[in-house]
C-alpha atoms as a PDB file:
ATOM      1  CA  MET A   1       0.000   0.000   0.000  1.00  0.00           C
ATOM      2  CA  ALA A   2       1.091   3.538  -0.720  1.00  0.00           C
ATOM      3  CA  ASP A   3      -0.086   6.267   1.637  1.00  0.00           C
ATOM      4  CA  PHE A   4      -0.096   9.972   0.852  1.00  0.00           C
ATOM      5  CA  THR A   5      -1.476  12.660   3.158  1.00  0.00           C
ATOM      6  CA  SER A   6      -2.900   9.996   5.494  1.00  0.00           C
ATOM      7  CA  ARG A   7      -4.919   8.182   2.840  1.00  0.00           C
ATOM      8  CA  SER A   8      -4.290   5.057   0.804  1.00  0.00           C
ATOM      9  CA  VAL A   9      -3.607   6.039  -2.794  1.00  0.00           C
ATOM     10  CA  GLY A  10      -1.998   2.989  -4.357  1.00  0.00           C
ATOM     11  CA  CYS A  11      -0.996  -0.637  -4.185  1.00  0.00           C
ATOM     12  CA  GLY A  12       1.375  -2.940  -5.989  1.00  0.00           C
ATOM     13  CA  ALA A  13       2.685  -6.470  -6.310  1.00  0.00           C
ATOM     14  CA  PHE A  14       6.331  -7.460  -6.530  1.00  0.00           C
ATOM     15  CA  ARG A  15       8.563 -10.476  -6.911  1.00  0.00           C
ATOM     16  CA  VAL A  16      12.095 -11.081  -5.643  1.00  0.00           C
ATOM     17  CA  ILE A  17      14.688 -11.555  -8.389  1.00  0.00           C
ATOM     18  CA  ASP A  18      16.954 -14.340  -7.125  1.00  0.00           C
ATOM     19  CA  ASP A  19      19.875 -13.698  -9.493  1.00  0.00           C
ATOM     20  CA  HIS A  20      20.032  -9.987  -8.520  1.00  0.00           C
ATOM     21  CA  PRO A  21      20.482  -9.854  -4.705  1.00  0.00           C
ATOM     22  CA  GLY A  22      18.601  -6.981  -3.103  1.00  0.00           C
ATOM     23  CA  THR A  23      16.426  -6.471  -6.187  1.00  0.00           C
ATOM     24  CA  ASP A  24      12.668  -6.800  -6.526  1.00  0.00           C
ATOM     25  CA  GLU A  25      10.510  -6.322  -9.584  1.00  0.00           C
ATOM     26  CA  ILE A  26       7.254  -4.436  -9.213  1.00  0.00           C
ATOM     27  CA  MET A  27       4.875  -6.464 -11.329  1.00  0.00           C
ATOM     28  CA  ARG A  28       1.944  -4.062 -11.108  1.00  0.00           C
ATOM     29  CA  MET A  29       1.503  -0.694  -9.485  1.00  0.00           C
ATOM     30  CA  CYS A  30      -1.836   1.099  -9.349  1.00  0.00           C
ATOM     31  CA  VAL A  31      -1.963   4.697  -8.122  1.00  0.00           C
ATOM     32  CA  ALA A  32      -5.020   6.925  -7.818  1.00  0.00           C
ATOM     33  CA  PRO A  33      -4.982   9.583 -10.577  1.00  0.00           C
ATOM     34  CA  SER A  34      -5.068  12.368  -7.966  1.00  0.00           C
ATOM     35  CA  ALA A  35      -1.835  11.081  -6.402  1.00  0.00           C
ATOM     36  CA  ARG A  36       0.240  10.548  -9.550  1.00  0.00           C
ATOM     37  CA  ALA A  37       3.423  12.589 -10.087  1.00  0.00           C
ATOM     38  CA  ASN A  38       3.949  12.903  -6.313  1.00  0.00           C
ATOM     39  CA  THR A  39       6.804  10.324  -6.138  1.00  0.00           C
ATOM     40  CA  ILE A  40       4.653   8.167  -3.866  1.00  0.00           C
ATOM     41  CA  ALA A  41       7.008   5.214  -4.073  1.00  0.00           C
ATOM     42  CA  GLY A  42      10.142   7.387  -4.013  1.00  0.00           C
ATOM     43  CA  CYS A  43      11.440   5.770  -7.186  1.00  0.00           C
ATOM     44  CA  LEU A  44      13.325   7.407 -10.008  1.00  0.00           C
ATOM     45  CA  GLU A  45      13.356   6.272 -13.621  1.00  0.00           C
ATOM     46  CA  CYS A  46      16.545   4.397 -14.546  1.00  0.00           C
ATOM     47  CA  GLU A  47      18.069   2.677 -17.560  1.00  0.00           C
ATOM     48  CA  PRO A  48      16.364  -0.576 -18.582  1.00  0.00           C
ATOM     49  CA  TRP A  49      18.134  -3.719 -17.405  1.00  0.00           C
ATOM     50  CA  GLY A  50      17.958  -7.459 -18.000  1.00  0.00           C
ATOM     51  CA  GLU A  51      15.005  -8.681 -20.034  1.00  0.00           C
ATOM     52  CA  PHE A  52      13.576  -5.129 -20.203  1.00  0.00           C
ATOM     53  CA  ILE A  53      16.271  -3.699 -22.474  1.00  0.00           C
ATOM     54  CA  GLY A  54      14.615  -2.666 -25.738  1.00  0.00           C
ATOM     55  CA  LYS A  55      11.056  -3.155 -24.431  1.00  0.00           C
ATOM     56  CA  ASP A  56       9.156   0.042 -25.164  1.00  0.00           C
ATOM     57  CA  PHE A  57       6.226  -1.003 -22.953  1.00  0.00           C
ATOM     58  CA  SER A  58       8.336  -1.180 -19.762  1.00  0.00           C
ATOM     59  CA  VAL A  59       9.507   1.640 -17.513  1.00  0.00           C
ATOM     60  CA  CYS A  60      12.395   0.759 -15.213  1.00  0.00           C
ATOM     61  CA  MET A  61      12.696   2.596 -11.920  1.00  0.00           C
ATOM     62  CA  ALA A  62      15.070   2.372  -8.980  1.00  0.00           C
ATOM     63  CA  LYS A  63      14.962   3.202  -5.299  1.00  0.00           C
ATOM     64  CA  THR A  64      17.853   2.941  -2.866  1.00  0.00           C
ATOM     65  CA  VAL A  65      16.758   1.459   0.445  1.00  0.00           C
ATOM     66  CA  VAL A  66      19.006   1.651   3.478  1.00  0.00           C
ATOM     67  CA  PRO A  67      18.545  -1.385   5.770  1.00  0.00           C
ATOM     68  CA  GLY A  68      17.895  -0.778   9.369  1.00  0.00           C
END
């Protein structure tokens, strides 16, 4: 769930990528139209990687998470 201004505005599903330690793939992410463009997930667009290179229908994003 993604919360913004004390209300739920999105949800997503992810899978762990075993051959890339510390990496997950967001399979689906749905965000309420009113909350879009607010960096809800804190992710930034990045270069495509792996099987997504050359796939025009995919947007690759990254977020650095500090354990602890």
